[in-house]
Amino acid sequence: DREQNSAKRTTIYDLAKLANTSPTAVSSILNGTWKKRRISKRLAEEVTRLAEEQGYSTNIQASLLRRARSNIVGMIVPKYDNRYFGDIAERFEAMARERGLFPVVTCTQRDPALELEAAKELLSFQAETLIATGATDPDRITALCKAAGVTSINLDLPGRAAPSIISDNYA
């Protein structure tokens, strides 16, 4: 296990060497723009196979440096064991993915300090939108988001500083 954790992660340069092509071609294949660059389907299939075989995964932090958007949307929920919040989190994830976004959900156990820490963490990952569900102090989270230039929305418990959506979980 220790040996596996210390192993070097596969990069696009490793894949390029294995496929006998350029790192630029590998990058185009992995980000889906290979057809525009007139890369052969055979090479695209080979690189895709090698990437899977080698356990390649995109370095999101490096990718964020190259593009203007993260496509990350974050949601803070107070409890996972509550059927209501669990359903909200599942629907949030499905709807985000349908829109090509990457959803990140974190549970804060209704702890105000943990809510704020979770918001800071989501912002550090360049979340573009943050939804605070059932937050104990939604305005504090909104202030943090505003300072970072990030859209925030309150769900279930209203705040005064951001749009709030109040549900009828009884009905």
N, C-alpha and C. Protein backbone atom coordinates (compact mmCIF):
# COMPACT_ATOMS: atom_id res chain seq x y z
N ASP A 1 0.83 -1.20 0.00
CA ASP A 1 0.00 0.00 0.00
C ASP A 1 0.87 1.25 0.00
N ARG A 2 1.88 1.25 0.86
CA ARG A 2 2.78 2.40 0.95
C ARG A 2 3.51 2.61 -0.38
N GLU A 3 3.92 1.50 -1.01
CA GLU A 3 4.61 1.57 -2.29
C GLU A 3 3.70 2.18 -3.35
N GLN A 4 2.43 1.80 -3.34
CA GLN A 4 1.47 2.30 -4.31
C GLN A 4 1.26 3.80 -4.13
N ASN A 5 1.17 4.28 -2.89
CA ASN A 5 0.94 5.70 -2.62
C ASN A 5 2.14 6.55 -3.03
N SER A 6 3.35 6.00 -2.99
CA SER A 6 4.52 6.78 -3.34
C SER A 6 4.80 6.76 -4.84
N ALA A 7 4.05 5.95 -5.60
CA ALA A 7 4.24 5.88 -7.04
C ALA A 7 3.87 7.21 -7.69
N LYS A 8 4.61 7.55 -8.74
CA LYS A 8 4.39 8.79 -9.46
C LYS A 8 3.10 8.68 -10.29
N ARG A 9 2.31 9.75 -10.27
CA ARG A 9 1.08 9.77 -11.07
C ARG A 9 1.41 9.87 -12.55
N THR A 10 0.61 9.20 -13.36
CA THR A 10 0.79 9.24 -14.80
C THR A 10 0.42 10.63 -15.32
N THR A 11 1.24 11.16 -16.21
CA THR A 11 1.01 12.49 -16.79
C THR A 11 0.72 12.35 -18.30
N ILE A 12 0.34 13.46 -18.91
CA ILE A 12 0.13 13.42 -20.37
C ILE A 12 1.44 13.16 -21.09
N TYR A 13 2.56 13.53 -20.47
CA TYR A 13 3.87 13.29 -21.08
C TYR A 13 4.19 11.79 -21.09
N ASP A 14 3.80 11.10 -20.01
CA ASP A 14 3.97 9.64 -19.96
C ASP A 14 3.12 8.97 -21.04
N LEU A 15 1.88 9.42 -21.16
CA LEU A 15 0.98 8.84 -22.16
C LEU A 15 1.47 9.13 -23.57
N ALA A 16 2.00 10.32 -23.80
CA ALA A 16 2.53 10.68 -25.13
C ALA A 16 3.67 9.74 -25.51
N LYS A 17 4.54 9.48 -24.55
CA LYS A 17 5.68 8.58 -24.81
C LYS A 17 5.19 7.17 -25.15
N LEU A 18 4.22 6.68 -24.36
CA LEU A 18 3.68 5.33 -24.59
C LEU A 18 2.96 5.22 -25.94
N ALA A 19 2.31 6.30 -26.35
CA ALA A 19 1.54 6.29 -27.61
C ALA A 19 2.36 6.77 -28.79
N ASN A 20 3.60 7.15 -28.52
CA ASN A 20 4.49 7.66 -29.56
C ASN A 20 3.87 8.86 -30.30
N THR A 21 3.44 9.82 -29.50
CA THR A 21 2.83 11.04 -30.06
C THR A 21 3.22 12.22 -29.17
N SER A 22 2.67 13.37 -29.45
CA SER A 22 3.03 14.57 -28.68
C SER A 22 2.10 14.76 -27.48
N PRO A 23 2.61 15.44 -26.43
CA PRO A 23 1.74 15.76 -25.29
C PRO A 23 0.54 16.61 -25.71
N THR A 24 0.71 17.46 -26.71
CA THR A 24 -0.40 18.29 -27.21
C THR A 24 -1.50 17.41 -27.79
N ALA A 25 -1.12 16.38 -28.54
CA ALA A 25 -2.12 15.46 -29.11
C ALA A 25 -2.84 14.72 -27.99
N VAL A 26 -2.09 14.26 -26.99
CA VAL A 26 -2.70 13.56 -25.86
C VAL A 26 -3.69 14.49 -25.15
N SER A 27 -3.29 15.71 -24.91
CA SER A 27 -4.17 16.68 -24.24
C SER A 27 -5.46 16.89 -25.04
N SER A 28 -5.32 17.04 -26.35
CA SER A 28 -6.50 17.24 -27.21
C SER A 28 -7.44 16.04 -27.17
N ILE A 29 -6.86 14.86 -27.14
CA ILE A 29 -7.68 13.65 -27.09
C ILE A 29 -8.41 13.57 -25.75
N LEU A 30 -7.70 13.84 -24.67
CA LEU A 30 -8.31 13.71 -23.34
C LEU A 30 -9.33 14.81 -23.05
N ASN A 31 -9.19 15.98 -23.67
CA ASN A 31 -10.18 17.04 -23.42
C ASN A 31 -11.26 17.08 -24.48
N GLY A 32 -11.21 16.14 -25.44
CA GLY A 32 -12.30 16.00 -26.41
C GLY A 32 -12.22 16.90 -27.63
N THR A 33 -11.12 17.57 -27.86
CA THR A 33 -11.01 18.45 -29.02
C THR A 33 -10.19 17.83 -30.15
N TRP A 34 -9.94 16.54 -30.09
CA TRP A 34 -9.07 15.87 -31.06
C TRP A 34 -9.61 15.90 -32.48
N LYS A 35 -10.93 15.86 -32.68
CA LYS A 35 -11.48 15.88 -34.05
C LYS A 35 -11.17 17.19 -34.75
N LYS A 36 -11.24 18.30 -34.01
CA LYS A 36 -10.94 19.62 -34.57
C LYS A 36 -9.49 19.72 -35.00
N ARG A 37 -8.64 18.95 -34.35
CA ARG A 37 -7.19 19.01 -34.61
C ARG A 37 -6.74 17.95 -35.61
N ARG A 38 -7.71 17.26 -36.21
CA ARG A 38 -7.43 16.25 -37.24
C ARG A 38 -6.55 15.10 -36.74
N ILE A 39 -6.82 14.69 -35.52
CA ILE A 39 -6.12 13.54 -34.95
C ILE A 39 -6.93 12.30 -35.30
N SER A 40 -6.25 11.24 -35.66
CA SER A 40 -6.96 10.03 -36.12
C SER A 40 -7.75 9.39 -34.99
N LYS A 41 -8.83 8.75 -35.37
CA LYS A 41 -9.67 8.04 -34.41
C LYS A 41 -8.87 6.90 -33.76
N ARG A 42 -8.00 6.26 -34.56
CA ARG A 42 -7.18 5.16 -34.04
C ARG A 42 -6.28 5.66 -32.91
N LEU A 43 -5.63 6.82 -33.12
CA LEU A 43 -4.76 7.36 -32.07
C LEU A 43 -5.59 7.77 -30.85
N ALA A 44 -6.75 8.37 -31.09
CA ALA A 44 -7.61 8.78 -29.98
C ALA A 44 -8.02 7.56 -29.15
N GLU A 45 -8.38 6.48 -29.81
CA GLU A 45 -8.77 5.26 -29.09
C GLU A 45 -7.58 4.67 -28.33
N GLU A 46 -6.38 4.71 -28.93
CA GLU A 46 -5.18 4.17 -28.29
C GLU A 46 -4.82 4.97 -27.04
N VAL A 47 -4.85 6.31 -27.16
CA VAL A 47 -4.52 7.16 -26.02
C VAL A 47 -5.56 6.98 -24.90
N THR A 48 -6.83 6.90 -25.27
CA THR A 48 -7.89 6.70 -24.29
C THR A 48 -7.70 5.37 -23.56
N ARG A 49 -7.35 4.33 -24.32
CA ARG A 49 -7.11 3.01 -23.72
C ARG A 49 -5.91 3.07 -22.78
N LEU A 50 -4.84 3.71 -23.21
CA LEU A 50 -3.64 3.83 -22.38
C LEU A 50 -3.91 4.63 -21.11
N ALA A 51 -4.68 5.71 -21.25
CA ALA A 51 -5.01 6.55 -20.09
C ALA A 51 -5.75 5.73 -19.04
N GLU A 52 -6.70 4.93 -19.49
CA GLU A 52 -7.46 4.09 -18.57
C GLU A 52 -6.57 3.02 -17.96
N GLU A 53 -5.77 2.39 -18.79
CA GLU A 53 -4.87 1.32 -18.35
C GLU A 53 -3.84 1.83 -17.33
N GLN A 54 -3.37 3.06 -17.52
CA GLN A 54 -2.35 3.64 -16.66
C GLN A 54 -2.94 4.37 -15.44
N GLY A 55 -4.27 4.41 -15.35
CA GLY A 55 -4.91 5.08 -14.22
C GLY A 55 -4.78 6.59 -14.27
N TYR A 56 -4.72 7.14 -15.49
CA TYR A 56 -4.56 8.59 -15.64
C TYR A 56 -5.81 9.32 -15.18
N SER A 57 -5.64 10.42 -14.47
CA SER A 57 -6.74 11.33 -14.16
C SER A 57 -6.23 12.75 -14.32
N THR A 58 -7.11 13.62 -14.76
CA THR A 58 -6.74 15.01 -15.01
C THR A 58 -6.31 15.68 -13.71
N ASN A 59 -5.28 16.48 -13.79
CA ASN A 59 -4.84 17.30 -12.67
C ASN A 59 -5.71 18.56 -12.68
N ILE A 60 -6.75 18.56 -11.86
CA ILE A 60 -7.72 19.66 -11.86
C ILE A 60 -7.05 20.99 -11.53
N GLN A 61 -6.11 21.00 -10.61
CA GLN A 61 -5.46 22.25 -10.24
C GLN A 61 -4.69 22.85 -11.42
N ALA A 62 -4.00 22.01 -12.18
CA ALA A 62 -3.28 22.50 -13.35
C ALA A 62 -4.27 22.96 -14.42
N SER A 63 -5.34 22.22 -14.56
CA SER A 63 -6.37 22.57 -15.54
C SER A 63 -7.02 23.91 -15.22
N LEU A 64 -7.26 24.18 -13.93
CA LEU A 64 -7.85 25.45 -13.52
C LEU A 64 -6.97 26.64 -13.89
N LEU A 65 -5.67 26.44 -13.87
CA LEU A 65 -4.76 27.52 -14.22
C LEU A 65 -4.88 27.90 -15.70
N ARG A 66 -5.30 26.94 -16.53
CA ARG A 66 -5.38 27.18 -17.97
C ARG A 66 -6.73 27.69 -18.45
N ARG A 67 -7.77 27.49 -17.66
CA ARG A 67 -9.09 27.90 -18.14
C ARG A 67 -9.73 28.87 -17.17
N ALA A 68 -10.67 29.62 -17.69
CA ALA A 68 -11.29 30.68 -16.90
C ALA A 68 -12.34 30.15 -15.93
N ARG A 69 -12.90 28.98 -16.20
CA ARG A 69 -13.99 28.44 -15.38
C ARG A 69 -13.60 27.11 -14.77
N SER A 70 -14.08 26.88 -13.56
CA SER A 70 -13.81 25.60 -12.90
C SER A 70 -14.92 24.59 -13.16
N ASN A 71 -16.14 25.09 -13.41
CA ASN A 71 -17.34 24.24 -13.55
C ASN A 71 -17.70 23.53 -12.26
N ILE A 72 -17.13 23.98 -11.15
CA ILE A 72 -17.42 23.38 -9.85
C ILE A 72 -18.55 24.16 -9.18
N VAL A 73 -19.56 23.43 -8.72
CA VAL A 73 -20.62 24.03 -7.92
C VAL A 73 -20.65 23.29 -6.59
N GLY A 74 -20.72 24.05 -5.51
CA GLY A 74 -20.67 23.44 -4.19
C GLY A 74 -21.98 23.55 -3.45
N MET A 75 -22.23 22.55 -2.62
CA MET A 75 -23.41 22.57 -1.76
C MET A 75 -23.01 22.14 -0.37
N ILE A 76 -23.44 22.92 0.60
CA ILE A 76 -23.25 22.59 2.01
C ILE A 76 -24.58 22.06 2.52
N VAL A 77 -24.58 20.86 3.09
CA VAL A 77 -25.79 20.31 3.70
C VAL A 77 -25.52 20.05 5.18
N PRO A 78 -26.54 20.19 6.02
CA PRO A 78 -26.33 20.01 7.45
C PRO A 78 -26.23 18.54 7.89
N LYS A 79 -26.94 17.65 7.21
CA LYS A 79 -26.98 16.24 7.63
C LYS A 79 -27.13 15.35 6.41
N TYR A 80 -26.41 14.24 6.39
CA TYR A 80 -26.60 13.23 5.35
C TYR A 80 -27.68 12.23 5.73
N ASP A 81 -27.84 12.00 7.04
CA ASP A 81 -28.76 10.96 7.48
C ASP A 81 -30.22 11.41 7.47
N ASN A 82 -30.47 12.64 7.07
CA ASN A 82 -31.83 13.16 6.96
C ASN A 82 -32.29 12.93 5.52
N ARG A 83 -33.38 12.21 5.34
CA ARG A 83 -33.87 11.86 4.01
C ARG A 83 -34.10 13.10 3.15
N TYR A 84 -34.59 14.15 3.74
CA TYR A 84 -34.87 15.39 3.03
C TYR A 84 -33.58 15.98 2.44
N PHE A 85 -32.55 16.12 3.26
CA PHE A 85 -31.30 16.71 2.78
C PHE A 85 -30.57 15.76 1.82
N GLY A 86 -30.68 14.46 2.09
CA GLY A 86 -30.09 13.48 1.18
C GLY A 86 -30.70 13.57 -0.20
N ASP A 87 -32.02 13.72 -0.28
CA ASP A 87 -32.71 13.85 -1.55
C ASP A 87 -32.29 15.14 -2.27
N ILE A 88 -32.18 16.22 -1.52
CA ILE A 88 -31.76 17.50 -2.11
C ILE A 88 -30.35 17.35 -2.70
N ALA A 89 -29.44 16.72 -1.97
CA ALA A 89 -28.07 16.55 -2.44
C ALA A 89 -28.03 15.70 -3.70
N GLU A 90 -28.80 14.62 -3.74
CA GLU A 90 -28.84 13.76 -4.93
C GLU A 90 -29.36 14.50 -6.14
N ARG A 91 -30.43 15.25 -5.97
CA ARG A 91 -31.01 16.00 -7.09
C ARG A 91 -30.06 17.11 -7.55
N PHE A 92 -29.40 17.76 -6.60
CA PHE A 92 -28.41 18.79 -6.93
C PHE A 92 -27.31 18.19 -7.79
N GLU A 93 -26.78 17.04 -7.39
CA GLU A 93 -25.71 16.40 -8.15
C GLU A 93 -26.17 16.04 -9.56
N ALA A 94 -27.35 15.45 -9.68
CA ALA A 94 -27.85 15.06 -11.00
C ALA A 94 -28.05 16.28 -11.90
N MET A 95 -28.65 17.33 -11.35
CA MET A 95 -28.91 18.53 -12.14
C MET A 95 -27.61 19.23 -12.54
N ALA A 96 -26.63 19.25 -11.66
CA ALA A 96 -25.34 19.87 -11.99
C ALA A 96 -24.67 19.10 -13.13
N ARG A 97 -24.64 17.78 -13.03
CA ARG A 97 -24.00 16.96 -14.07
C ARG A 97 -24.70 17.11 -15.41
N GLU A 98 -26.03 17.20 -15.40
CA GLU A 98 -26.78 17.41 -16.65
C GLU A 98 -26.35 18.70 -17.33
N ARG A 99 -25.86 19.65 -16.57
CA ARG A 99 -25.44 20.95 -17.11
C ARG A 99 -23.93 21.03 -17.34
N GLY A 100 -23.25 19.90 -17.23
CA GLY A 100 -21.81 19.86 -17.46
C GLY A 100 -21.00 20.44 -16.33
N LEU A 101 -21.59 20.51 -15.14
CA LEU A 101 -20.89 21.05 -13.97
C LEU A 101 -20.42 19.91 -13.08
N PHE A 102 -19.44 20.19 -12.24
CA PHE A 102 -18.95 19.19 -11.30
C PHE A 102 -19.45 19.55 -9.90
N PRO A 103 -20.38 18.74 -9.37
CA PRO A 103 -20.94 19.04 -8.04
C PRO A 103 -20.06 18.52 -6.91
N VAL A 104 -19.93 19.34 -5.88
CA VAL A 104 -19.21 18.93 -4.66
C VAL A 104 -20.15 19.20 -3.49
N VAL A 105 -20.46 18.15 -2.74
CA VAL A 105 -21.36 18.27 -1.59
C VAL A 105 -20.57 17.95 -0.33
N THR A 106 -20.77 18.78 0.70
CA THR A 106 -20.10 18.54 1.97
C THR A 106 -21.11 18.70 3.11
N CYS A 107 -20.95 17.88 4.13
CA CYS A 107 -21.86 17.86 5.27
C CYS A 107 -21.20 18.55 6.45
N THR A 108 -21.95 19.42 7.14
CA THR A 108 -21.37 20.23 8.20
C THR A 108 -21.98 20.00 9.59
N GLN A 109 -22.89 19.06 9.73
CA GLN A 109 -23.45 18.68 11.03
C GLN A 109 -24.08 19.85 11.80
N ARG A 110 -24.55 20.86 11.08
CA ARG A 110 -25.14 22.07 11.68
C ARG A 110 -24.17 22.81 12.62
N ASP A 111 -22.89 22.70 12.33
CA ASP A 111 -21.86 23.38 13.10
C ASP A 111 -21.47 24.66 12.36
N PRO A 112 -21.76 25.85 12.92
CA PRO A 112 -21.47 27.11 12.22
C PRO A 112 -20.00 27.26 11.82
N ALA A 113 -19.08 26.83 12.67
CA ALA A 113 -17.66 26.93 12.34
C ALA A 113 -17.31 26.02 11.17
N LEU A 114 -17.89 24.82 11.15
CA LEU A 114 -17.65 23.88 10.07
C LEU A 114 -18.30 24.37 8.77
N GLU A 115 -19.45 25.02 8.87
CA GLU A 115 -20.09 25.59 7.68
C GLU A 115 -19.18 26.61 7.02
N LEU A 116 -18.61 27.51 7.82
CA LEU A 116 -17.72 28.54 7.29
C LEU A 116 -16.45 27.91 6.71
N GLU A 117 -15.90 26.94 7.40
CA GLU A 117 -14.70 26.25 6.91
C GLU A 117 -14.99 25.54 5.59
N ALA A 118 -16.15 24.90 5.49
CA ALA A 118 -16.53 24.22 4.25
C ALA A 118 -16.67 25.22 3.11
N ALA A 119 -17.26 26.36 3.39
CA ALA A 119 -17.40 27.40 2.36
C ALA A 119 -16.02 27.87 1.90
N LYS A 120 -15.11 28.08 2.83
CA LYS A 120 -13.74 28.49 2.48
C LYS A 120 -13.06 27.44 1.61
N GLU A 121 -13.23 26.18 1.97
CA GLU A 121 -12.62 25.09 1.19
C GLU A 121 -13.19 25.05 -0.22
N LEU A 122 -14.52 25.16 -0.34
CA LEU A 122 -15.13 25.14 -1.67
C LEU A 122 -14.64 26.32 -2.50
N LEU A 123 -14.48 27.47 -1.89
CA LEU A 123 -13.96 28.64 -2.60
C LEU A 123 -12.50 28.42 -3.01
N SER A 124 -11.74 27.73 -2.17
CA SER A 124 -10.33 27.47 -2.51
C SER A 124 -10.21 26.55 -3.72
N PHE A 125 -11.23 25.74 -3.96
CA PHE A 125 -11.27 24.88 -5.14
C PHE A 125 -11.91 25.59 -6.33
N GLN A 126 -12.10 26.89 -6.21
CA GLN A 126 -12.63 27.73 -7.27
C GLN A 126 -14.08 27.41 -7.63
N ALA A 127 -14.89 27.02 -6.63
CA ALA A 127 -16.31 26.81 -6.88
C ALA A 127 -16.90 28.10 -7.45
N GLU A 128 -17.72 27.97 -8.47
CA GLU A 128 -18.32 29.14 -9.12
C GLU A 128 -19.61 29.57 -8.44
N THR A 129 -20.27 28.63 -7.81
CA THR A 129 -21.51 28.90 -7.10
C THR A 129 -21.52 28.05 -5.85
N LEU A 130 -22.07 28.60 -4.77
CA LEU A 130 -22.16 27.85 -3.53
C LEU A 130 -23.59 27.91 -3.03
N ILE A 131 -24.17 26.75 -2.76
CA ILE A 131 -25.53 26.67 -2.23
C ILE A 131 -25.43 26.22 -0.78
N ALA A 132 -25.90 27.08 0.11
CA ALA A 132 -25.90 26.77 1.55
C ALA A 132 -27.28 26.25 1.91
N THR A 133 -27.36 24.96 2.19
CA THR A 133 -28.63 24.32 2.52
C THR A 133 -28.76 24.18 4.04
N GLY A 134 -29.75 24.83 4.60
CA GLY A 134 -29.99 24.71 6.03
C GLY A 134 -28.86 25.26 6.88
N ALA A 135 -28.13 26.26 6.38
CA ALA A 135 -27.00 26.82 7.13
C ALA A 135 -27.49 27.59 8.36
N THR A 136 -26.73 27.51 9.44
CA THR A 136 -27.11 28.22 10.67
C THR A 136 -26.91 29.72 10.54
N ASP A 137 -25.93 30.15 9.72
CA ASP A 137 -25.67 31.57 9.51
C ASP A 137 -25.40 31.82 8.03
N PRO A 138 -26.46 31.77 7.21
CA PRO A 138 -26.27 31.90 5.77
C PRO A 138 -25.67 33.24 5.35
N ASP A 139 -25.96 34.32 6.08
CA ASP A 139 -25.42 35.63 5.70
C ASP A 139 -23.91 35.69 5.84
N ARG A 140 -23.36 34.97 6.80
CA ARG A 140 -21.90 34.93 6.96
C ARG A 140 -21.26 34.22 5.77
N ILE A 141 -21.88 33.15 5.32
CA ILE A 141 -21.39 32.42 4.14
C ILE A 141 -21.51 33.31 2.90
N THR A 142 -22.64 34.01 2.77
CA THR A 142 -22.85 34.91 1.64
C THR A 142 -21.79 36.01 1.62
N ALA A 143 -21.46 36.58 2.77
CA ALA A 143 -20.44 37.63 2.84
C ALA A 143 -19.09 37.10 2.35
N LEU A 144 -18.75 35.89 2.74
CA LEU A 144 -17.51 35.26 2.31
C LEU A 144 -17.52 35.08 0.78
N CYS A 145 -18.63 34.60 0.27
CA CYS A 145 -18.76 34.38 -1.17
C CYS A 145 -18.68 35.71 -1.94
N LYS A 146 -19.38 36.73 -1.45
CA LYS A 146 -19.35 38.04 -2.11
C LYS A 146 -17.93 38.58 -2.17
N ALA A 147 -17.18 38.44 -1.09
CA ALA A 147 -15.80 38.92 -1.06
C ALA A 147 -14.94 38.20 -2.10
N ALA A 148 -15.29 36.93 -2.39
CA ALA A 148 -14.55 36.14 -3.37
C ALA A 148 -15.12 36.27 -4.78
N GLY A 149 -16.23 37.02 -4.92
CA GLY A 149 -16.85 37.17 -6.24
C GLY A 149 -17.58 35.94 -6.71
N VAL A 150 -18.11 35.17 -5.75
CA VAL A 150 -18.79 33.91 -6.06
C VAL A 150 -20.28 34.04 -5.73
N THR A 151 -21.12 33.53 -6.60
CA THR A 151 -22.56 33.53 -6.39
C THR A 151 -22.92 32.57 -5.26
N SER A 152 -23.81 33.01 -4.37
CA SER A 152 -24.29 32.11 -3.33
C SER A 152 -25.81 32.15 -3.29
N ILE A 153 -26.37 31.02 -2.89
CA ILE A 153 -27.82 30.86 -2.80
C ILE A 153 -28.11 30.14 -1.49
N ASN A 154 -29.14 30.58 -0.80
CA ASN A 154 -29.57 29.90 0.43
C ASN A 154 -30.73 28.98 0.08
N LEU A 155 -30.70 27.79 0.62
CA LEU A 155 -31.77 26.84 0.40
C LEU A 155 -32.24 26.33 1.76
N ASP A 156 -33.52 26.38 1.98
CA ASP A 156 -34.20 25.87 3.16
C ASP A 156 -34.24 26.87 4.31
N LEU A 157 -33.13 27.50 4.69
CA LEU A 157 -33.16 28.54 5.71
C LEU A 157 -32.79 29.86 5.05
N PRO A 158 -33.64 30.88 5.16
CA PRO A 158 -33.38 32.13 4.45
C PRO A 158 -32.27 32.96 5.09
N GLY A 159 -31.67 33.76 4.26
CA GLY A 159 -30.73 34.77 4.71
C GLY A 159 -31.22 36.09 4.14
N ARG A 160 -30.58 37.17 4.54
CA ARG A 160 -30.98 38.47 4.04
C ARG A 160 -30.06 38.96 2.92
N ALA A 161 -28.89 38.35 2.75
CA ALA A 161 -27.89 38.89 1.85
C ALA A 161 -27.79 38.18 0.49
N ALA A 162 -28.52 37.09 0.32
CA ALA A 162 -28.48 36.34 -0.93
C ALA A 162 -29.87 35.80 -1.24
N PRO A 163 -30.13 35.45 -2.50
CA PRO A 163 -31.42 34.83 -2.81
C PRO A 163 -31.63 33.59 -1.96
N SER A 164 -32.86 33.40 -1.48
CA SER A 164 -33.20 32.27 -0.63
C SER A 164 -34.37 31.51 -1.21
N ILE A 165 -34.25 30.21 -1.24
CA ILE A 165 -35.32 29.34 -1.70
C ILE A 165 -35.79 28.56 -0.49
N ILE A 166 -37.06 28.72 -0.17
CA ILE A 166 -37.63 28.05 1.00
C ILE A 166 -38.53 26.94 0.50
N SER A 167 -38.31 25.75 1.01
CA SER A 167 -39.09 24.59 0.56
C SER A 167 -40.15 24.24 1.58
N ASP A 168 -41.09 23.44 1.11
CA ASP A 168 -42.13 22.90 1.98
C ASP A 168 -41.85 21.42 2.11
N ASN A 169 -40.94 21.06 3.01
CA ASN A 169 -40.57 19.64 3.09
C ASN A 169 -41.63 18.80 3.78
N TYR A 170 -42.61 19.45 4.37
CA TYR A 170 -43.70 18.68 4.97
C TYR A 170 -44.59 18.10 3.85
N ALA A 171 -44.92 18.97 2.88
CA ALA A 171 -45.75 18.53 1.74
C ALA A 171 -44.92 17.66 0.82
